[in-house]
Amino acid sequence: MADQSKLPLPVPTPETQHFWDGTRENQLLLQSCDGCQKTYFPPRPFCPACASRSVSIIKASGNATLYSYVINQRAHPAFDGPYAIAVVSLEEGPRMMTNIVNSPQTPEALVLDMPLKVCFGKVDENITLPYFEPAGDEL
């Protein structure tokens, strides 16, 4: 996993605060439109599909599949060796950018469509980052 102390940290905004509150509690929170039922990420105050401002916050399952990734070989103070920068497809529909952890960072280990599950890395009292790791036979 990353050296949390060396990561550039997100700055929560009123639109994203619920997401960061959720990750601090080891929950992945998404938004769902009350009108068209679309679940989306990243957080915003309106539905990207129909522009409705009537949205609800839902707890995601934490299950995902690997949609795409690149293995970064360039040095970064927060990561030892190569590390995967990935896009995952959440079970609820949206995609999100993340890192794959607790897995060899090789093309042989990171197979597209492989099942993943969310895990969390606490950086400080305010920020906990969501990562994804192989789910094995759990999905």
C-alpha atoms as a PDB file:
ATOM      1  CA  MET A   1       0.000   0.000   0.000  1.00  0.00           C
ATOM      2  CA  ALA A   2       1.060   3.588  -0.437  1.00  0.00           C
ATOM      3  CA  ASP A   3       3.031   5.580   2.116  1.00  0.00           C
ATOM      4  CA  GLN A   4       0.013   7.625   3.167  1.00  0.00           C
ATOM      5  CA  SER A   5       2.121  10.493   4.562  1.00  0.00           C
ATOM      6  CA  LYS A   6       3.555  11.276   1.102  1.00  0.00           C
ATOM      7  CA  LEU A   7       0.319  11.370  -0.891  1.00  0.00           C
ATOM      8  CA  PRO A   8      -1.132  14.618  -2.205  1.00  0.00           C
ATOM      9  CA  LEU A   9      -4.406  14.920  -0.322  1.00  0.00           C
ATOM     10  CA  PRO A  10      -7.837  15.834  -1.637  1.00  0.00           C
ATOM     11  CA  VAL A  11      -9.568  18.859  -0.179  1.00  0.00           C
ATOM     12  CA  PRO A  12     -13.207  18.077   0.673  1.00  0.00           C
ATOM     13  CA  THR A  13     -15.798  20.550  -0.590  1.00  0.00           C
ATOM     14  CA  PRO A  14     -19.450  20.855   0.411  1.00  0.00           C
ATOM     15  CA  GLU A  15     -20.317  18.673  -2.601  1.00  0.00           C
ATOM     16  CA  THR A  16     -17.813  15.924  -1.673  1.00  0.00           C
ATOM     17  CA  GLN A  17     -17.842  16.037   2.137  1.00  0.00           C
ATOM     18  CA  HIS A  18     -20.318  13.126   2.412  1.00  0.00           C
ATOM     19  CA  PHE A  19     -17.956  10.950   0.345  1.00  0.00           C
ATOM     20  CA  TRP A  20     -14.980  11.682   2.622  1.00  0.00           C
ATOM     21  CA  ASP A  21     -17.115  11.247   5.745  1.00  0.00           C
ATOM     22  CA  GLY A  22     -18.047   7.813   4.383  1.00  0.00           C
ATOM     23  CA  THR A  23     -14.499   6.714   3.593  1.00  0.00           C
ATOM     24  CA  ARG A  24     -13.475   7.740   7.106  1.00  0.00           C
ATOM     25  CA  GLU A  25     -16.052   5.162   8.295  1.00  0.00           C
ATOM     26  CA  ASN A  26     -14.800   2.579   5.733  1.00  0.00           C
ATOM     27  CA  GLN A  27     -17.867   3.061   3.569  1.00  0.00           C
ATOM     28  CA  LEU A  28     -17.961   3.885  -0.124  1.00  0.00           C
ATOM     29  CA  LEU A  29     -20.819   6.365  -0.574  1.00  0.00           C
ATOM     30  CA  LEU A  30     -22.276   7.219  -3.973  1.00  0.00           C
ATOM     31  CA  GLN A  31     -25.110   9.425  -5.123  1.00  0.00           C
ATOM     32  CA  SER A  32     -28.254   8.196  -6.837  1.00  0.00           C
ATOM     33  CA  CYS A  33     -30.814  10.316  -8.659  1.00  0.00           C
ATOM     34  CA  ASP A  34     -34.272  10.151  -7.110  1.00  0.00           C
ATOM     35  CA  GLY A  35     -35.797  10.875 -10.525  1.00  0.00           C
ATOM     36  CA  CYS A  36     -34.029   8.700 -13.108  1.00  0.00           C
ATOM     37  CA  GLN A  37     -32.358   6.298 -10.613  1.00  0.00           C
ATOM     38  CA  LYS A  38     -28.866   6.764 -12.122  1.00  0.00           C
ATOM     39  CA  THR A  39     -26.068   6.147  -9.639  1.00  0.00           C
ATOM     40  CA  TYR A  40     -23.033   8.291 -10.294  1.00  0.00           C
ATOM     41  CA  PHE A  41     -19.517   9.278  -9.272  1.00  0.00           C
ATOM     42  CA  PRO A  42     -17.809  11.693  -8.672  1.00  0.00           C
ATOM     43  CA  PRO A  43     -20.101  13.533  -6.265  1.00  0.00           C
ATOM     44  CA  ARG A  44     -21.949  16.606  -7.500  1.00  0.00           C
ATOM     45  CA  PRO A  45     -25.142  18.406  -6.485  1.00  0.00           C
ATOM     46  CA  PHE A  46     -27.135  17.319  -9.559  1.00  0.00           C
ATOM     47  CA  CYS A  47     -27.651  14.186 -11.639  1.00  0.00           C
ATOM     48  CA  PRO A  48     -25.354  14.101 -14.697  1.00  0.00           C
ATOM     49  CA  ALA A  49     -28.003  12.167 -16.650  1.00  0.00           C
ATOM     50  CA  CYS A  50     -31.109  14.310 -16.133  1.00  0.00           C
ATOM     51  CA  ALA A  51     -29.848  17.380 -14.175  1.00  0.00           C
ATOM     52  CA  SER A  52     -32.242  16.734 -11.266  1.00  0.00           C
ATOM     53  CA  ARG A  53     -31.111  18.164  -7.950  1.00  0.00           C
ATOM     54  CA  SER A  54     -33.116  15.520  -6.105  1.00  0.00           C
ATOM     55  CA  VAL A  55     -30.369  13.050  -5.235  1.00  0.00           C
ATOM     56  CA  SER A  56     -29.782  10.586  -2.413  1.00  0.00           C
ATOM     57  CA  ILE A  57     -26.596   9.228  -0.882  1.00  0.00           C
ATOM     58  CA  ILE A  58     -26.331   5.424  -0.972  1.00  0.00           C
ATOM     59  CA  LYS A  59     -23.833   2.969   0.456  1.00  0.00           C
ATOM     60  CA  ALA A  60     -22.075   1.063  -2.324  1.00  0.00           C
ATOM     61  CA  SER A  61     -21.403  -2.648  -2.058  1.00  0.00           C
ATOM     62  CA  GLY A  62     -17.662  -2.102  -2.470  1.00  0.00           C
ATOM     63  CA  ASN A  63     -17.565  -4.672  -5.274  1.00  0.00           C
ATOM     64  CA  ALA A  64     -16.021  -3.750  -8.606  1.00  0.00           C
ATOM     65  CA  THR A  65     -14.227  -5.095 -11.649  1.00  0.00           C
ATOM     66  CA  LEU A  66     -11.006  -3.858 -13.206  1.00  0.00           C
ATOM     67  CA  TYR A  67     -11.928  -1.788 -16.265  1.00  0.00           C
ATOM     68  CA  SER A  68      -8.534  -0.381 -17.254  1.00  0.00           C
ATOM     69  CA  TYR A  69      -5.133   0.334 -15.754  1.00  0.00           C
ATOM     70  CA  VAL A  70      -1.583   1.419 -16.363  1.00  0.00           C
ATOM     71  CA  ILE A  71       1.402   0.308 -14.336  1.00  0.00           C
ATOM     72  CA  ASN A  72       3.411   3.405 -13.546  1.00  0.00           C
ATOM     73  CA  GLN A  73       7.135   2.689 -13.523  1.00  0.00           C
ATOM     74  CA  ARG A  74       8.199   6.223 -12.618  1.00  0.00           C
ATOM     75  CA  ALA A  75       9.267   6.912  -9.070  1.00  0.00           C
ATOM     76  CA  HIS A  76       6.760   8.518  -6.687  1.00  0.00           C
ATOM     77  CA  PRO A  77       7.503   9.311  -3.050  1.00  0.00           C
ATOM     78  CA  ALA A  78       4.292   7.630  -1.874  1.00  0.00           C
ATOM     79  CA  PHE A  79       4.715   4.296  -3.695  1.00  0.00           C
ATOM     80  CA  ASP A  80       7.412   1.641  -3.633  1.00  0.00           C
ATOM     81  CA  GLY A  81       8.274   0.300  -7.067  1.00  0.00           C
ATOM     82  CA  PRO A  82       5.752   0.166  -9.882  1.00  0.00           C
ATOM     83  CA  TYR A  83       2.121   0.849  -8.976  1.00  0.00           C
ATOM     84  CA  ALA A  84      -1.173   0.481 -10.793  1.00  0.00           C
ATOM     85  CA  ILE A  85      -3.311   3.488 -11.576  1.00  0.00           C
ATOM     86  CA  ALA A  86      -6.678   1.985 -12.411  1.00  0.00           C
ATOM     87  CA  VAL A  87     -10.238   2.659 -13.417  1.00  0.00           C
ATOM     88  CA  VAL A  88     -12.704   0.275 -11.807  1.00  0.00           C
ATOM     89  CA  SER A  89     -16.345  -0.363 -12.681  1.00  0.00           C
ATOM     90  CA  LEU A  90     -18.380  -0.346  -9.507  1.00  0.00           C
ATOM     91  CA  GLU A  91     -21.168  -2.910  -9.150  1.00  0.00           C
ATOM     92  CA  GLU A  92     -23.622   0.016  -8.960  1.00  0.00           C
ATOM     93  CA  GLY A  93     -22.570   1.287 -12.404  1.00  0.00           C
ATOM     94  CA  PRO A  94     -20.176   4.220 -12.063  1.00  0.00           C
ATOM     95  CA  ARG A  95     -16.469   4.022 -12.745  1.00  0.00           C
ATOM     96  CA  MET A  96     -13.826   5.537 -10.529  1.00  0.00           C
ATOM     97  CA  MET A  97     -10.087   6.077 -10.654  1.00  0.00           C
ATOM     98  CA  THR A  98      -8.088   4.406  -7.892  1.00  0.00           C
ATOM     99  CA  ASN A  99      -5.038   2.295  -7.150  1.00  0.00           C
ATOM    100  CA  ILE A 100      -4.932  -1.489  -6.995  1.00  0.00           C
ATOM    101  CA  VAL A 101      -3.210  -2.697  -3.826  1.00  0.00           C
ATOM    102  CA  ASN A 102      -2.345  -6.010  -2.162  1.00  0.00           C
ATOM    103  CA  SER A 103      -1.525  -7.545  -5.531  1.00  0.00           C
ATOM    104  CA  PRO A 104       1.576  -7.892  -7.673  1.00  0.00           C
ATOM    105  CA  GLN A 105       1.751  -4.874  -9.948  1.00  0.00           C
ATOM    106  CA  THR A 106       2.155  -6.891 -13.140  1.00  0.00           C
ATOM    107  CA  PRO A 107       0.018  -7.523 -16.221  1.00  0.00           C
ATOM    108  CA  GLU A 108      -0.139 -11.203 -15.252  1.00  0.00           C
ATOM    109  CA  ALA A 109      -1.752 -10.363 -11.898  1.00  0.00           C
ATOM    110  CA  LEU A 110      -3.934  -7.447 -13.019  1.00  0.00           C
ATOM    111  CA  VAL A 111      -6.400  -8.978 -15.446  1.00  0.00           C
ATOM    112  CA  LEU A 112      -9.148  -6.871 -16.990  1.00  0.00           C
ATOM    113  CA  ASP A 113     -12.602  -7.654 -15.566  1.00  0.00           C
ATOM    114  CA  MET A 114     -11.078  -9.307 -12.480  1.00  0.00           C
ATOM    115  CA  PRO A 115     -13.263  -8.978  -9.367  1.00  0.00           C
ATOM    116  CA  LEU A 116     -12.147  -6.381  -6.858  1.00  0.00           C
ATOM    117  CA  LYS A 117     -13.289  -5.135  -3.479  1.00  0.00           C
ATOM    118  CA  VAL A 118     -12.783  -1.793  -1.820  1.00  0.00           C
ATOM    119  CA  CYS A 119     -10.324  -1.354   1.027  1.00  0.00           C
ATOM    120  CA  PHE A 120      -9.392   1.826   2.823  1.00  0.00           C
ATOM    121  CA  GLY A 121      -6.164   3.575   3.785  1.00  0.00           C
ATOM    122  CA  LYS A 122      -6.368   6.175   6.549  1.00  0.00           C
ATOM    123  CA  VAL A 123      -4.109   9.140   5.814  1.00  0.00           C
ATOM    124  CA  ASP A 124      -5.049  11.405   8.717  1.00  0.00           C
ATOM    125  CA  GLU A 125      -8.064  12.256  10.890  1.00  0.00           C
ATOM    126  CA  ASN A 126      -9.912  13.808   7.928  1.00  0.00           C
ATOM    127  CA  ILE A 127      -8.918  11.772   4.880  1.00  0.00           C
ATOM    128  CA  THR A 128      -9.199   8.043   4.281  1.00  0.00           C
ATOM    129  CA  LEU A 129      -8.595   6.953   0.689  1.00  0.00           C
ATOM    130  CA  PRO A 130     -10.480   4.170  -1.091  1.00  0.00           C
ATOM    131  CA  TYR A 131      -8.313   1.599  -2.843  1.00  0.00           C
ATOM    132  CA  PHE A 132      -9.245  -1.688  -4.479  1.00  0.00           C
ATOM    133  CA  GLU A 133      -7.742  -5.144  -4.038  1.00  0.00           C
ATOM    134  CA  PRO A 134      -8.407  -8.521  -5.663  1.00  0.00           C
ATOM    135  CA  ALA A 135     -11.615 -10.031  -4.330  1.00  0.00           C
ATOM    136  CA  GLY A 136     -10.710 -13.640  -5.034  1.00  0.00           C
ATOM    137  CA  ASP A 137     -13.814 -15.862  -4.886  1.00  0.00           C
ATOM    138  CA  GLU A 138     -15.840 -13.396  -2.809  1.00  0.00           C
ATOM    139  CA  LEU A 139     -17.912 -11.886  -5.658  1.00  0.00           C
END
